[in-house]
Every structure is written in C-alpha cells, then in structure tokens.
Protein backbone atom coordinates (compact mmCIF):
# COMPACT_ATOMS: atom_id res chain seq x y z
CA MET A 1 -47.44 -20.27 -54.24
CA THR A 2 -47.80 -18.28 -57.21
CA LYS A 3 -44.49 -18.03 -58.15
CA LEU A 4 -44.04 -21.96 -58.21
CA PHE A 5 -47.17 -21.90 -60.42
CA LEU A 6 -45.73 -19.47 -62.80
CA ALA A 7 -42.56 -21.37 -62.69
CA LEU A 8 -44.17 -24.77 -63.81
CA PHE A 9 -46.48 -22.98 -66.09
CA PHE A 10 -43.44 -21.67 -67.92
CA ALA A 11 -41.63 -25.29 -68.00
CA ALA A 12 -44.75 -26.78 -69.26
CA GLY A 13 -45.14 -24.14 -72.35
CA PHE A 14 -41.15 -24.82 -73.07
CA ILE A 15 -41.35 -28.29 -72.70
CA VAL A 16 -44.98 -28.09 -75.72
CA ALA A 17 -42.80 -26.13 -77.83
CA ALA A 18 -39.73 -28.02 -77.96
CA HIS A 19 -41.76 -30.99 -78.77
CA ALA A 20 -44.08 -29.40 -81.29
CA GLY A 21 -40.51 -28.59 -83.06
CA ASP A 22 -39.79 -32.15 -83.38
CA PRO A 23 -39.53 -34.04 -86.56
CA VAL A 24 -42.07 -37.08 -87.16
CA LYS A 25 -40.48 -40.45 -85.69
CA GLY A 26 -38.90 -41.98 -88.58
CA GLU A 27 -39.48 -39.14 -91.37
CA LEU A 28 -36.38 -39.43 -93.90
CA LYS A 29 -36.08 -36.78 -96.35
CA VAL A 30 -35.72 -37.49 -99.99
CA ASN A 31 -32.96 -36.71 -101.77
CA THR A 32 -33.89 -35.14 -104.80
CA ALA A 33 -30.96 -35.33 -106.64
CA ALA A 34 -30.30 -38.98 -106.39
CA SER A 35 -34.20 -39.65 -106.94
CA LYS A 36 -35.84 -39.72 -110.83
CA VAL A 37 -38.81 -39.84 -112.01
CA GLU A 38 -38.98 -41.21 -115.84
CA TRP A 39 -42.21 -40.78 -117.72
CA THR A 40 -43.39 -41.94 -121.05
CA ALA A 41 -46.30 -41.31 -122.71
CA ARG A 42 -47.96 -43.27 -126.14
CA LYS A 43 -50.10 -41.80 -128.81
CA VAL A 44 -51.28 -43.36 -132.19
CA THR A 45 -47.93 -43.12 -134.20
CA GLY A 46 -45.46 -43.70 -130.94
CA LYS A 47 -44.26 -42.64 -127.83
CA HIS A 48 -42.04 -40.11 -126.16
CA ASN A 49 -39.90 -40.75 -122.80
CA GLY A 50 -38.65 -38.21 -120.37
CA THR A 51 -37.74 -36.88 -116.80
CA VAL A 52 -39.39 -34.60 -114.12
CA ASN A 53 -37.39 -33.22 -111.25
CA ILE A 54 -38.38 -33.96 -107.27
CA LYS A 55 -38.74 -30.93 -105.45
CA GLU A 56 -38.76 -31.94 -101.87
CA GLY A 57 -40.73 -35.30 -100.33
CA VAL A 58 -40.54 -37.41 -96.93
CA LEU A 59 -40.67 -40.89 -96.48
CA GLN A 60 -42.29 -42.11 -93.17
CA ILE A 61 -40.31 -45.38 -92.41
CA LYS A 62 -40.06 -47.36 -89.13
CA ASP A 63 -38.11 -50.48 -88.66
CA GLY A 64 -38.28 -51.30 -92.36
CA ILE A 65 -42.13 -50.72 -92.71
CA LEU A 66 -42.94 -47.67 -95.02
CA LEU A 67 -45.83 -45.87 -93.06
CA GLY A 68 -46.47 -42.65 -95.32
CA GLY A 69 -44.56 -39.69 -96.87
CA SER A 70 -45.58 -37.36 -99.09
CA PHE A 71 -43.33 -35.51 -102.15
CA THR A 72 -43.61 -33.04 -104.37
CA ILE A 73 -42.86 -32.65 -108.36
CA ASP A 74 -41.41 -29.58 -110.26
CA MET A 75 -43.45 -29.56 -113.15
CA THR A 76 -41.58 -26.73 -114.42
CA SER A 77 -38.44 -29.42 -114.82
CA ILE A 78 -40.34 -31.64 -117.50
CA ALA A 79 -37.85 -32.93 -119.90
CA VAL A 80 -38.03 -34.89 -123.23
CA THR A 81 -34.94 -37.64 -123.47
CA ASP A 82 -36.11 -38.97 -126.92
CA LEU A 83 -35.94 -36.43 -129.12
CA THR A 84 -32.98 -33.58 -129.53
CA GLY A 85 -32.58 -30.40 -130.99
CA GLU A 86 -35.35 -28.32 -131.90
CA TYR A 87 -38.11 -30.82 -131.74
CA LYS A 88 -37.20 -31.48 -128.28
CA GLY A 89 -38.04 -28.04 -127.33
CA LYS A 90 -41.07 -27.65 -129.09
CA LEU A 91 -42.10 -30.69 -127.26
CA GLU A 92 -41.23 -29.52 -123.52
CA GLY A 93 -42.83 -25.95 -124.58
CA HIS A 94 -46.26 -27.75 -125.35
CA LEU A 95 -46.26 -30.14 -122.22
CA LYS A 96 -45.22 -27.12 -120.16
CA SER A 97 -48.02 -25.05 -121.85
CA ASP A 98 -52.01 -24.87 -120.75
CA ASP A 99 -52.56 -27.60 -123.52
CA PHE A 100 -51.12 -30.33 -120.95
CA PHE A 101 -49.68 -29.23 -117.68
CA GLY A 102 -49.75 -25.61 -117.68
CA VAL A 103 -46.96 -25.14 -115.35
CA GLU A 104 -46.79 -21.82 -115.02
CA LYS A 105 -49.68 -21.73 -113.17
CA PHE A 106 -49.65 -25.49 -111.98
CA PRO A 107 -45.77 -25.52 -111.29
CA THR A 108 -45.77 -28.93 -108.95
CA ALA A 109 -47.43 -31.59 -108.65
CA LYS A 110 -47.67 -33.76 -105.30
CA LEU A 111 -48.52 -37.61 -104.04
CA VAL A 112 -49.23 -37.87 -100.18
CA ILE A 113 -49.21 -42.11 -98.99
CA THR A 114 -52.75 -42.05 -97.19
CA GLN A 115 -52.06 -46.06 -96.12
CA ALA A 116 -49.45 -48.26 -96.87
CA ASN A 117 -49.96 -52.01 -96.31
CA ALA A 118 -47.14 -54.86 -96.16
CA LYS A 119 -47.59 -57.61 -98.35
CA GLY A 120 -43.61 -59.26 -97.74
CA ASP A 121 -40.28 -59.57 -98.78
CA GLY A 122 -40.27 -55.31 -99.01
CA GLN A 123 -43.41 -54.56 -101.12
CA PHE A 124 -46.28 -52.45 -99.95
CA GLU A 125 -49.39 -51.61 -101.30
CA VAL A 126 -49.93 -47.95 -100.87
CA LYS A 127 -52.72 -45.91 -101.02
CA GLY A 128 -52.77 -41.97 -101.46
CA ASN A 129 -53.93 -39.19 -103.14
CA ILE A 130 -51.80 -37.50 -106.13
CA THR A 131 -52.51 -33.91 -106.95
CA ILE A 132 -52.08 -32.60 -110.58
CA ARG A 133 -53.24 -28.81 -112.54
CA ASP A 134 -54.83 -28.45 -108.77
CA VAL A 135 -57.21 -31.42 -109.08
CA THR A 136 -56.70 -34.41 -106.46
CA GLN A 137 -57.33 -38.07 -107.18
CA PRO A 138 -56.90 -41.30 -105.10
CA ILE A 139 -54.33 -43.81 -105.99
CA THR A 140 -53.45 -47.22 -105.60
CA PHE A 141 -50.06 -49.01 -106.63
CA THR A 142 -47.19 -51.33 -105.15
CA THR A 143 -43.86 -50.09 -103.77
CA GLN A 144 -41.02 -51.83 -103.35
CA LEU A 145 -38.96 -50.95 -100.33
CA THR A 146 -35.01 -51.71 -100.09
CA PRO A 147 -32.60 -50.88 -97.09
CA ASP A 148 -29.12 -49.42 -97.84
CA GLY A 149 -27.49 -48.91 -94.74
CA LYS A 150 -29.09 -46.16 -92.69
CA LYS A 151 -30.78 -45.21 -95.99
CA TYR A 152 -33.72 -46.55 -97.96
CA ASN A 153 -35.11 -47.06 -101.46
CA ALA A 154 -38.36 -46.75 -102.76
CA THR A 155 -39.45 -47.67 -106.15
CA THR A 156 -42.35 -48.12 -107.79
CA SER A 157 -44.33 -47.70 -111.48
CA LEU A 158 -47.37 -45.63 -111.85
CA THR A 159 -50.04 -45.55 -114.39
CA ILE A 160 -51.81 -42.00 -114.34
CA ASP A 161 -55.05 -41.17 -116.51
CA ARG A 162 -54.56 -37.61 -117.31
CA ALA A 163 -58.28 -37.41 -118.53
CA LYS A 164 -59.11 -37.05 -115.00
CA PHE A 165 -56.92 -33.95 -114.12
CA ASN A 166 -58.43 -31.90 -116.78
CA VAL A 167 -55.55 -32.53 -119.19
CA LYS A 168 -57.44 -32.26 -122.57
CA TYR A 169 -54.99 -32.17 -125.21
CA GLY A 170 -55.61 -34.67 -128.19
CA SER A 171 -57.47 -36.83 -125.70
CA GLY A 172 -60.26 -39.32 -127.16
CA SER A 173 -62.31 -38.76 -123.70
CA PHE A 174 -62.99 -35.31 -124.73
CA PHE A 175 -62.53 -35.19 -128.68
CA GLU A 176 -64.12 -37.53 -131.50
CA GLY A 177 -62.43 -37.94 -134.68
CA LEU A 178 -58.17 -37.61 -133.67
CA GLY A 179 -57.55 -40.35 -135.66
CA ASP A 180 -53.81 -40.97 -136.10
CA SER A 181 -53.39 -37.41 -133.73
CA THR A 182 -54.65 -39.16 -130.59
CA ILE A 183 -52.76 -38.86 -127.63
CA TYR A 184 -53.56 -41.63 -125.05
CA ASP A 185 -54.99 -40.55 -121.66
CA GLU A 186 -52.58 -42.86 -119.68
CA PHE A 187 -49.35 -42.40 -119.05
CA ASP A 188 -46.50 -44.14 -116.92
CA LEU A 189 -44.24 -43.01 -114.15
CA ALA A 190 -41.14 -45.28 -112.75
CA ILE A 191 -40.48 -43.70 -109.48
CA SER A 192 -37.17 -43.82 -107.33
CA LEU A 193 -36.85 -42.48 -104.42
CA VAL A 194 -33.97 -42.54 -102.32
CA THR A 195 -33.67 -41.02 -98.48
CA GLU A 196 -30.95 -39.13 -96.96
C-alpha cells in the first residue's frame, strides 16, 4: 500500500511539474526583428523622429481575440532618423543621458496589457501599465489586430506624457521661462508588432 501511495505521489508530482512548464495557451512570441517602434517628439521650434528596438514580447491571442501580453523596449537602442552625422550623434547621446531617459540606469521600458475589450473589426480597447525610468503609469489605447496566416500583426499609436515619468529636461511642467527652448511633454509612439 505504501509503495502504491508513493508511486501515485511521484506521478502526480511529475504531472504538476510538466504543466508548470507549459506555455500559456495562445501566447505568441513577438518577432522583434519584424516589429518596430517609431517615435516623434516636438518642441517649439520643430520636431524630431526616430526609432527604438523591441527587446522581447508576447501577445496572448485566442481565436483572434486579444487577451493580454507585454513587451519590453531596449532604451539603449534609441536612434534619431531625421538627422545625420554629428547632430544625430549628439541628440541620441542626449536622449540616452540622465536629462532624458537615463539608459545606463534604466536600460528598458515595459508595457503590460491588463485588459483588452473587443470593439469589432479587429479593434480592441486596451488598458495597461507602462513603465519608464522605473515609474509605472496606467495607459489606455486602441489596437488593431490583423491575422496573417498563423501570425498576427498588432498596430497602435500611443501618446505619452514624459512629465509623468520624471523626464524633466526642457519641460514647461517643471521649468518656467523656457520660451523657444521648450520641449513639449507629450511624444508619440507608432508601434507595429508581428508575432512569430
């Protein structure tokens, strides 16, 4: 009897351990090479554009319905695309410095989807949390989910208020009398995710 009990105990333990390693049903990895994030930041005297790379991510999709997901941004990859040469390098260095995103101390940013409500025609109202410089804030946006064979494409546009994440340089929210040197707090992200 004791041997039977032990056999059943170990068998149950093996089954639990096996299921603990199973991936979440419907969890699809993000193809980081095929996905992209483009940013636009504005100031009184103009604007700048650039890109930043996705480090890793997953989307939870079942029967074409977005259920959740998360992705991590490699902040050390910030690149400027509207400048070349010396000015490009200077702006990229400044954006990576402590004046802005402090990538040496905060090398990643993260977006976690906490809720997704279907609106029809592949559109979802998404609620989540975004973390930049170790500060987490709630965010709501609309995502378009499009099937592509066994893969999915998810596209969205976000507007982020950098002041909420203590990114203070040139911000009228923190400093007065900046005049033409003012850099607007809000910046836009155009995100395109492709699953593997």
